[in-house]
Amino acid sequence: MKKGGMALLILIIGVLSILGACATASSRGGSAGIVEVAATSSTFDMALDKPIDITSQFAPTDRSIYLAVSLKDFRPGSRCEFVRYLDDKYLDHGSVIVTKAPPTTVAFEWSLRQAEARRLEGIYRVKVYLNGVYKTEISYRVGG
């Protein structure tokens, strides 16, 4: 093997080793954090920092739906975000900067804006990310 080819091979092996180490740290949580639980509910107790009456079934007229994400092993200032789909079509997304020290729970709320409003019926799927790293997915149903 020529000298230039050997250097390129060593460089490629080095890059693959670094990528493998990053993947291992990320799968264990590391500084990217760990999502312990993600759950949906119609009520969230801010004082207790937890969802009440966890469920995956909602009526189209339910005033609020909460996504509660319990986090640990992360740094304050981390970004927790969601991407939501309805019947496998993109619906919306959002994020918050987590300022509390771990462990903590982040709550996202989806509310009806008007008393007579109804949610679209179907299966909602929510992907959760922490600092841009995919952590988990949860589904819930609205309607029959």
N, C-alpha and C. Protein backbone atom coordinates (compact mmCIF):
# COMPACT_ATOMS: atom_id res chain seq x y z
N MET A 1 0.85 -1.17 0.00
CA MET A 1 0.00 0.00 0.00
C MET A 1 0.89 1.23 0.00
N LYS A 2 0.52 2.23 -0.78
CA LYS A 2 1.30 3.45 -0.86
C LYS A 2 1.14 4.26 0.41
N LYS A 3 2.11 5.18 0.64
CA LYS A 3 2.13 5.99 1.84
C LYS A 3 0.84 6.82 1.99
N GLY A 4 0.37 7.44 0.92
CA GLY A 4 -0.86 8.26 0.95
C GLY A 4 -2.08 7.41 1.24
N GLY A 5 -2.13 6.20 0.69
CA GLY A 5 -3.25 5.29 0.93
C GLY A 5 -3.31 4.85 2.38
N MET A 6 -2.14 4.59 2.98
CA MET A 6 -2.07 4.18 4.37
C MET A 6 -2.55 5.31 5.29
N ALA A 7 -2.17 6.55 5.00
CA ALA A 7 -2.59 7.69 5.81
C ALA A 7 -4.11 7.86 5.73
N LEU A 8 -4.66 7.68 4.54
CA LEU A 8 -6.11 7.80 4.35
C LEU A 8 -6.83 6.70 5.14
N LEU A 9 -6.31 5.48 5.09
CA LEU A 9 -6.90 4.37 5.82
C LEU A 9 -6.87 4.65 7.33
N ILE A 10 -5.77 5.15 7.84
CA ILE A 10 -5.65 5.47 9.26
C ILE A 10 -6.64 6.58 9.63
N LEU A 11 -6.79 7.58 8.77
CA LEU A 11 -7.73 8.67 9.01
C LEU A 11 -9.16 8.14 9.07
N ILE A 12 -9.52 7.27 8.13
CA ILE A 12 -10.88 6.70 8.09
C ILE A 12 -11.14 5.88 9.35
N ILE A 13 -10.18 5.06 9.78
CA ILE A 13 -10.34 4.26 10.99
C ILE A 13 -10.50 5.16 12.20
N GLY A 14 -9.74 6.25 12.25
CA GLY A 14 -9.84 7.20 13.37
C GLY A 14 -11.21 7.85 13.43
N VAL A 15 -11.73 8.28 12.28
CA VAL A 15 -13.05 8.91 12.23
C VAL A 15 -14.13 7.90 12.65
N LEU A 16 -14.05 6.67 12.17
CA LEU A 16 -15.03 5.65 12.54
C LEU A 16 -14.97 5.36 14.04
N SER A 17 -13.79 5.36 14.63
CA SER A 17 -13.66 5.14 16.07
C SER A 17 -14.33 6.26 16.86
N ILE A 18 -14.12 7.50 16.43
CA ILE A 18 -14.73 8.65 17.10
C ILE A 18 -16.25 8.58 16.98
N LEU A 19 -16.76 8.27 15.78
CA LEU A 19 -18.21 8.17 15.57
C LEU A 19 -18.80 7.05 16.43
N GLY A 20 -18.11 5.94 16.55
CA GLY A 20 -18.57 4.83 17.38
C GLY A 20 -18.63 5.23 18.84
N ALA A 21 -17.64 5.97 19.32
CA ALA A 21 -17.64 6.42 20.72
C ALA A 21 -18.78 7.39 20.96
N CYS A 22 -19.05 8.28 20.01
CA CYS A 22 -20.16 9.24 20.15
C CYS A 22 -21.49 8.50 20.18
N ALA A 23 -21.67 7.52 19.33
CA ALA A 23 -22.92 6.77 19.29
C ALA A 23 -23.14 6.02 20.60
N THR A 24 -22.06 5.46 21.17
CA THR A 24 -22.18 4.74 22.42
C THR A 24 -22.56 5.69 23.54
N ALA A 25 -21.93 6.86 23.64
CA ALA A 25 -22.24 7.83 24.69
C ALA A 25 -23.66 8.32 24.54
N SER A 26 -24.09 8.56 23.31
CA SER A 26 -25.44 9.07 23.09
C SER A 26 -26.49 8.03 23.43
N SER A 27 -26.24 6.75 23.17
CA SER A 27 -27.23 5.73 23.48
C SER A 27 -27.35 5.50 24.98
N ARG A 28 -26.32 5.83 25.73
CA ARG A 28 -26.38 5.69 27.18
C ARG A 28 -26.94 6.94 27.84
N GLY A 29 -27.16 7.98 27.07
CA GLY A 29 -27.67 9.22 27.65
C GLY A 29 -26.58 10.24 27.69
N GLY A 30 -25.52 9.99 28.45
CA GLY A 30 -24.40 10.91 28.55
C GLY A 30 -24.87 12.32 28.82
N SER A 31 -24.17 13.30 28.27
CA SER A 31 -24.54 14.69 28.49
C SER A 31 -25.80 15.05 27.73
N ALA A 32 -26.23 14.18 26.80
CA ALA A 32 -27.44 14.46 26.03
C ALA A 32 -28.69 14.21 26.87
N GLY A 33 -28.58 13.54 28.01
CA GLY A 33 -29.70 13.33 28.90
C GLY A 33 -30.47 12.05 28.62
N ILE A 34 -31.33 11.71 29.56
CA ILE A 34 -32.13 10.50 29.46
C ILE A 34 -33.60 10.86 29.67
N VAL A 35 -34.45 10.36 28.81
CA VAL A 35 -35.90 10.48 29.01
C VAL A 35 -36.34 9.23 29.72
N GLU A 36 -36.77 9.38 30.98
CA GLU A 36 -37.22 8.22 31.75
C GLU A 36 -38.63 7.81 31.35
N VAL A 37 -39.53 8.77 31.24
CA VAL A 37 -40.93 8.48 30.94
C VAL A 37 -41.49 9.61 30.08
N ALA A 38 -42.29 9.24 29.10
CA ALA A 38 -43.09 10.22 28.37
C ALA A 38 -44.52 9.71 28.43
N ALA A 39 -45.45 10.58 28.86
CA ALA A 39 -46.84 10.15 29.04
C ALA A 39 -47.76 11.30 28.66
N THR A 40 -48.99 10.94 28.26
CA THR A 40 -50.00 11.94 27.97
C THR A 40 -51.09 11.89 29.04
N SER A 41 -51.67 13.05 29.31
CA SER A 41 -52.75 13.15 30.30
C SER A 41 -53.60 14.37 29.98
N SER A 42 -54.76 14.46 30.63
CA SER A 42 -55.61 15.63 30.43
C SER A 42 -55.41 16.67 31.52
N THR A 43 -54.60 16.33 32.53
CA THR A 43 -54.32 17.25 33.64
C THR A 43 -52.84 17.12 34.02
N PHE A 44 -52.23 18.27 34.35
CA PHE A 44 -50.84 18.26 34.82
C PHE A 44 -50.77 19.09 36.10
N ASP A 45 -50.24 18.51 37.17
CA ASP A 45 -50.12 19.20 38.45
C ASP A 45 -48.76 19.90 38.50
N MET A 46 -48.77 21.21 38.35
CA MET A 46 -47.51 21.98 38.32
C MET A 46 -46.79 21.91 39.67
N ALA A 47 -47.55 21.89 40.77
CA ALA A 47 -46.93 21.85 42.10
C ALA A 47 -46.19 20.53 42.33
N LEU A 48 -46.78 19.44 41.86
CA LEU A 48 -46.16 18.13 42.03
C LEU A 48 -45.23 17.78 40.87
N ASP A 49 -45.29 18.57 39.80
CA ASP A 49 -44.43 18.36 38.62
C ASP A 49 -44.69 16.99 37.99
N LYS A 50 -46.01 16.64 37.85
CA LYS A 50 -46.32 15.34 37.27
C LYS A 50 -47.72 15.34 36.63
N PRO A 51 -47.91 14.44 35.66
CA PRO A 51 -49.23 14.32 35.03
C PRO A 51 -50.20 13.59 35.96
N ILE A 52 -51.48 13.94 35.85
CA ILE A 52 -52.54 13.30 36.62
C ILE A 52 -53.42 12.54 35.63
N ASP A 53 -53.85 11.35 35.99
CA ASP A 53 -54.72 10.53 35.13
C ASP A 53 -54.09 10.28 33.76
N ILE A 54 -52.97 9.61 33.76
CA ILE A 54 -52.26 9.29 32.50
C ILE A 54 -53.17 8.44 31.62
N THR A 55 -53.25 8.80 30.35
CA THR A 55 -54.09 8.08 29.40
C THR A 55 -53.54 8.27 27.99
N SER A 56 -53.98 7.41 27.09
CA SER A 56 -53.63 7.58 25.68
C SER A 56 -54.89 7.74 24.83
N GLN A 57 -56.03 7.94 25.49
CA GLN A 57 -57.32 8.11 24.81
C GLN A 57 -57.97 9.41 25.25
N PHE A 58 -58.33 10.27 24.28
CA PHE A 58 -58.92 11.57 24.58
C PHE A 58 -60.17 11.79 23.74
N ALA A 59 -61.09 12.60 24.27
CA ALA A 59 -62.29 12.99 23.52
C ALA A 59 -61.95 14.21 22.67
N PRO A 60 -62.62 14.40 21.54
CA PRO A 60 -62.37 15.57 20.69
C PRO A 60 -62.62 16.90 21.42
N THR A 61 -63.42 16.87 22.49
CA THR A 61 -63.73 18.10 23.22
C THR A 61 -62.89 18.30 24.48
N ASP A 62 -61.97 17.40 24.79
CA ASP A 62 -61.10 17.60 25.95
C ASP A 62 -60.38 18.93 25.81
N ARG A 63 -60.42 19.75 26.87
CA ARG A 63 -59.84 21.10 26.81
C ARG A 63 -58.33 21.09 26.61
N SER A 64 -57.62 20.19 27.28
CA SER A 64 -56.16 20.16 27.19
C SER A 64 -55.65 18.74 27.08
N ILE A 65 -54.56 18.60 26.38
CA ILE A 65 -53.80 17.35 26.35
C ILE A 65 -52.37 17.74 26.69
N TYR A 66 -51.79 17.04 27.65
CA TYR A 66 -50.42 17.30 28.08
C TYR A 66 -49.51 16.16 27.67
N LEU A 67 -48.32 16.51 27.29
CA LEU A 67 -47.24 15.55 27.13
C LEU A 67 -46.27 15.84 28.26
N ALA A 68 -46.09 14.89 29.16
CA ALA A 68 -45.14 15.03 30.27
C ALA A 68 -43.90 14.21 29.96
N VAL A 69 -42.75 14.84 30.02
CA VAL A 69 -41.49 14.18 29.71
C VAL A 69 -40.60 14.27 30.95
N SER A 70 -40.35 13.12 31.58
CA SER A 70 -39.49 13.07 32.76
C SER A 70 -38.04 12.90 32.31
N LEU A 71 -37.20 13.81 32.77
CA LEU A 71 -35.80 13.85 32.32
C LEU A 71 -34.84 13.63 33.49
N LYS A 72 -33.70 13.05 33.18
CA LYS A 72 -32.61 12.97 34.15
C LYS A 72 -31.29 13.00 33.39
N ASP A 73 -30.21 13.21 34.12
CA ASP A 73 -28.85 13.21 33.55
C ASP A 73 -28.71 14.16 32.36
N PHE A 74 -29.10 15.41 32.56
CA PHE A 74 -28.94 16.42 31.52
C PHE A 74 -28.42 17.69 32.20
N ARG A 75 -28.00 18.63 31.41
CA ARG A 75 -27.52 19.91 31.94
C ARG A 75 -28.64 20.95 31.84
N PRO A 76 -28.83 21.75 32.91
CA PRO A 76 -29.76 22.87 32.77
C PRO A 76 -29.35 23.70 31.55
N GLY A 77 -30.32 24.20 30.83
CA GLY A 77 -30.05 24.90 29.57
C GLY A 77 -30.23 23.99 28.36
N SER A 78 -30.54 22.70 28.63
CA SER A 78 -30.80 21.76 27.54
C SER A 78 -32.14 22.09 26.88
N ARG A 79 -32.28 21.72 25.62
CA ARG A 79 -33.51 21.94 24.87
C ARG A 79 -34.27 20.63 24.74
N CYS A 80 -35.52 20.64 25.23
CA CYS A 80 -36.42 19.49 25.06
C CYS A 80 -37.43 19.89 23.99
N GLU A 81 -37.61 19.04 22.99
CA GLU A 81 -38.51 19.39 21.90
C GLU A 81 -39.35 18.20 21.47
N PHE A 82 -40.46 18.53 20.79
CA PHE A 82 -41.34 17.50 20.26
C PHE A 82 -41.65 17.82 18.80
N VAL A 83 -41.95 16.76 18.06
CA VAL A 83 -42.51 16.87 16.71
C VAL A 83 -43.75 15.99 16.74
N ARG A 84 -44.91 16.57 16.37
CA ARG A 84 -46.18 15.86 16.49
C ARG A 84 -46.77 15.60 15.10
N TYR A 85 -47.34 14.42 14.95
CA TYR A 85 -47.94 13.97 13.69
C TYR A 85 -49.38 13.54 13.97
N LEU A 86 -50.26 13.76 13.03
CA LEU A 86 -51.63 13.26 13.09
C LEU A 86 -51.82 12.34 11.91
N ASP A 87 -52.14 11.07 12.20
CA ASP A 87 -52.29 10.05 11.16
C ASP A 87 -51.10 10.06 10.19
N ASP A 88 -49.90 10.11 10.79
CA ASP A 88 -48.61 10.07 10.08
C ASP A 88 -48.33 11.27 9.18
N LYS A 89 -49.04 12.38 9.38
CA LYS A 89 -48.76 13.63 8.66
C LYS A 89 -48.29 14.66 9.68
N TYR A 90 -47.23 15.39 9.33
CA TYR A 90 -46.69 16.40 10.23
C TYR A 90 -47.79 17.35 10.68
N LEU A 91 -47.84 17.64 11.99
CA LEU A 91 -48.84 18.55 12.53
C LEU A 91 -48.20 19.82 13.09
N ASP A 92 -47.27 19.66 14.04
CA ASP A 92 -46.60 20.82 14.62
C ASP A 92 -45.37 20.38 15.41
N HIS A 93 -44.68 21.37 15.96
CA HIS A 93 -43.51 21.07 16.78
C HIS A 93 -43.34 22.20 17.80
N GLY A 94 -42.56 21.96 18.80
CA GLY A 94 -42.28 22.98 19.80
C GLY A 94 -41.10 22.57 20.65
N SER A 95 -40.59 23.52 21.43
CA SER A 95 -39.46 23.21 22.29
C SER A 95 -39.42 24.17 23.47
N VAL A 96 -38.72 23.75 24.51
CA VAL A 96 -38.47 24.59 25.67
C VAL A 96 -37.02 24.39 26.10
N ILE A 97 -36.48 25.42 26.72
CA ILE A 97 -35.17 25.31 27.35
C ILE A 97 -35.43 24.91 28.80
N VAL A 98 -34.82 23.82 29.24
CA VAL A 98 -35.03 23.30 30.59
C VAL A 98 -34.07 24.02 31.54
N THR A 99 -34.64 24.78 32.47
CA THR A 99 -33.81 25.57 33.38
C THR A 99 -33.64 24.91 34.74
N LYS A 100 -34.52 23.97 35.09
CA LYS A 100 -34.41 23.27 36.37
C LYS A 100 -33.28 22.24 36.32
N ALA A 101 -32.72 21.96 37.49
CA ALA A 101 -31.70 20.91 37.59
C ALA A 101 -32.39 19.54 37.52
N PRO A 102 -31.68 18.53 37.01
CA PRO A 102 -32.27 17.19 36.93
C PRO A 102 -32.41 16.57 38.32
N PRO A 103 -33.31 15.60 38.48
CA PRO A 103 -34.34 15.21 37.52
C PRO A 103 -35.49 16.20 37.53
N THR A 104 -36.20 16.31 36.43
CA THR A 104 -37.36 17.20 36.34
C THR A 104 -38.32 16.68 35.27
N THR A 105 -39.49 17.29 35.22
CA THR A 105 -40.48 16.93 34.21
C THR A 105 -40.83 18.16 33.41
N VAL A 106 -40.83 18.01 32.10
CA VAL A 106 -41.23 19.08 31.18
C VAL A 106 -42.63 18.75 30.70
N ALA A 107 -43.51 19.74 30.66
CA ALA A 107 -44.88 19.51 30.19
C ALA A 107 -45.17 20.40 28.98
N PHE A 108 -45.63 19.79 27.91
CA PHE A 108 -46.13 20.51 26.74
C PHE A 108 -47.65 20.40 26.78
N GLU A 109 -48.34 21.49 26.50
CA GLU A 109 -49.80 21.49 26.53
C GLU A 109 -50.37 21.87 25.16
N TRP A 110 -51.37 21.11 24.74
CA TRP A 110 -52.13 21.42 23.52
C TRP A 110 -53.55 21.70 23.97
N SER A 111 -54.00 22.96 23.87
CA SER A 111 -55.31 23.38 24.36
C SER A 111 -56.23 23.76 23.22
N LEU A 112 -57.52 23.55 23.45
CA LEU A 112 -58.53 24.07 22.53
C LEU A 112 -58.65 25.58 22.78
N ARG A 113 -58.72 26.36 21.74
CA ARG A 113 -58.76 27.82 21.90
C ARG A 113 -60.17 28.33 22.20
N GLN A 114 -61.18 27.64 21.73
CA GLN A 114 -62.56 28.08 21.94
C GLN A 114 -63.34 26.95 22.61
N ALA A 115 -64.31 27.35 23.44
CA ALA A 115 -65.09 26.36 24.18
C ALA A 115 -65.81 25.37 23.27
N GLU A 116 -66.25 25.82 22.11
CA GLU A 116 -67.01 24.94 21.22
C GLU A 116 -66.11 24.18 20.22
N ALA A 117 -64.85 24.43 20.28
CA ALA A 117 -63.92 23.80 19.34
C ALA A 117 -63.79 22.29 19.61
N ARG A 118 -63.40 21.58 18.57
CA ARG A 118 -63.16 20.13 18.66
C ARG A 118 -61.80 19.82 18.05
N ARG A 119 -61.15 18.82 18.61
CA ARG A 119 -59.88 18.36 18.05
C ARG A 119 -60.15 17.46 16.85
N LEU A 120 -59.21 17.43 15.96
CA LEU A 120 -59.29 16.47 14.86
C LEU A 120 -59.13 15.07 15.43
N GLU A 121 -59.97 14.16 14.98
CA GLU A 121 -59.90 12.79 15.47
C GLU A 121 -58.83 12.02 14.71
N GLY A 122 -58.20 11.08 15.38
CA GLY A 122 -57.19 10.25 14.76
C GLY A 122 -56.13 9.84 15.75
N ILE A 123 -55.06 9.27 15.21
CA ILE A 123 -53.94 8.82 16.03
C ILE A 123 -52.83 9.86 15.92
N TYR A 124 -52.45 10.39 17.07
CA TYR A 124 -51.38 11.37 17.16
C TYR A 124 -50.11 10.64 17.60
N ARG A 125 -49.01 10.98 16.98
CA ARG A 125 -47.71 10.40 17.33
C ARG A 125 -46.79 11.57 17.65
N VAL A 126 -46.05 11.47 18.76
CA VAL A 126 -45.17 12.55 19.19
C VAL A 126 -43.76 11.98 19.37
N LYS A 127 -42.80 12.58 18.67
CA LYS A 127 -41.39 12.21 18.86
C LYS A 127 -40.76 13.24 19.79
N VAL A 128 -39.95 12.76 20.74
CA VAL A 128 -39.31 13.62 21.73
C VAL A 128 -37.80 13.62 21.51
N TYR A 129 -37.22 14.82 21.56
CA TYR A 129 -35.78 15.01 21.37
C TYR A 129 -35.24 15.80 22.55
N LEU A 130 -33.99 15.53 22.91
CA LEU A 130 -33.29 16.32 23.92
C LEU A 130 -31.97 16.74 23.31
N ASN A 131 -31.78 18.04 23.22
CA ASN A 131 -30.58 18.60 22.59
C ASN A 131 -30.39 18.06 21.17
N GLY A 132 -31.50 17.92 20.45
CA GLY A 132 -31.45 17.48 19.06
C GLY A 132 -31.29 15.98 18.87
N VAL A 133 -31.22 15.22 19.96
CA VAL A 133 -31.04 13.77 19.88
C VAL A 133 -32.39 13.09 20.15
N TYR A 134 -32.83 12.25 19.21
CA TYR A 134 -34.09 11.52 19.38
C TYR A 134 -34.02 10.67 20.64
N LYS A 135 -35.09 10.74 21.47
CA LYS A 135 -35.11 9.98 22.72
C LYS A 135 -36.23 8.94 22.78
N THR A 136 -37.44 9.31 22.38
CA THR A 136 -38.55 8.38 22.47
C THR A 136 -39.71 8.86 21.62
N GLU A 137 -40.72 8.02 21.53
CA GLU A 137 -41.93 8.33 20.79
C GLU A 137 -43.13 7.82 21.58
N ILE A 138 -44.23 8.56 21.52
CA ILE A 138 -45.45 8.17 22.22
C ILE A 138 -46.63 8.46 21.29
N SER A 139 -47.66 7.64 21.41
CA SER A 139 -48.87 7.84 20.61
C SER A 139 -50.08 7.98 21.50
N TYR A 140 -51.08 8.72 21.00
CA TYR A 140 -52.36 8.81 21.69
C TYR A 140 -53.46 8.96 20.64
N ARG A 141 -54.68 8.65 21.05
CA ARG A 141 -55.82 8.69 20.13
C ARG A 141 -56.83 9.73 20.59
N VAL A 142 -57.40 10.45 19.63
CA VAL A 142 -58.49 11.37 19.91
C VAL A 142 -59.71 10.81 19.17
N GLY A 143 -60.81 10.63 19.90
CA GLY A 143 -62.03 10.08 19.30
C GLY A 143 -62.06 8.58 19.39
N GLY A 144 -63.09 8.00 18.74
CA GLY A 144 -63.32 6.55 18.80
C GLY A 144 -62.38 5.77 18.02
